[in-house]
Amino acid sequence: MITRGTHVTLLAASLLLTGCGGGAVAGTQGAPTPSREPARTTPSPEISAEAAPRRIPGLGPKTWARIPADTRQAVVVTGRGRDSPLSTVVLHERTATGWRAGASRPAHNALKGWSDHHMAGDLRSPIGVYTLTDAGGLLKDPGTELPYDHGAGFTARGTGFEGEPLAGSFDYVIAIDYNRRSGTSPLDWTRPLGAGRGGGIWLHVDHGGPTHGCVSIAEKHMKELLRTLDPDLHPVVVMGDAGSLNR
């Protein structure tokens, strides 16, 4: 577990600009004869009818090709529609037999839905596959293996699009490596694609309404996710509306 020092003064001022608040078994044909072994009636241990899928359901070839070969954890965010702020989050973990899906959690994404070419201020969440390398929050580390930056720079203020208070939204965050430098605090201002392409795209605590570009889930689910993600398993987030993910 790694703890970073927090950049509070300048980064806290920029937070509202960068963050979201601101196989089957074949049967044997014919009847057995006394000189032959009877046909098997149960699957062999090596081939289980209950084996997990070899690929994550709902992801098309274009999306699947973007998931790194060494990834063993994938947080899949599936939007209800291209222009919808509603989505679901499922953590998939790769096992010896395939990908195992966890529970489905309700979530919010950006107010206007999704974009293949996210820009600052477009109120859409970026579609794609992004690594998850860094975390942080206003509250202390809940027990994550990700590097965790704890401090006042994660204070959220104001109200959301539906008048809901934003306080507590950044109690726990996981930085989505879209237009940011991995291996740094979620508060880091560096934007490799330029400021016009936006940034500060996080997984964070849900405040009961749409976001500016982030993905938000209930606080207890954020804590579960933080405690489950393992940097040695090279976690990623796969995010977008269902139609786009199926490409």
Foldseek 3Di string as FASTA:
>chain_A
DAEDEDDADPLLVCCLQAAFNCDDDDWDDDADDPVDDGTDPADDPVDDPPFDDQDDPLFAPVQVVQDDPLAFKEWEWADADQQAQKTWTWIWGADPRHIDIDDIFIKGFFNREADCQAWRQPRYAYAHKFWWAAKEAQADQLAFQHHYYYHDSQAHADADPVRFTCGQFRRIKIATPQQDDHPDYLSDPHGVVDPGSGHNAIETDDRPDHTSHHMYGHPVVRSVVRNPDDVSNGYMYGYHHSVVSRD
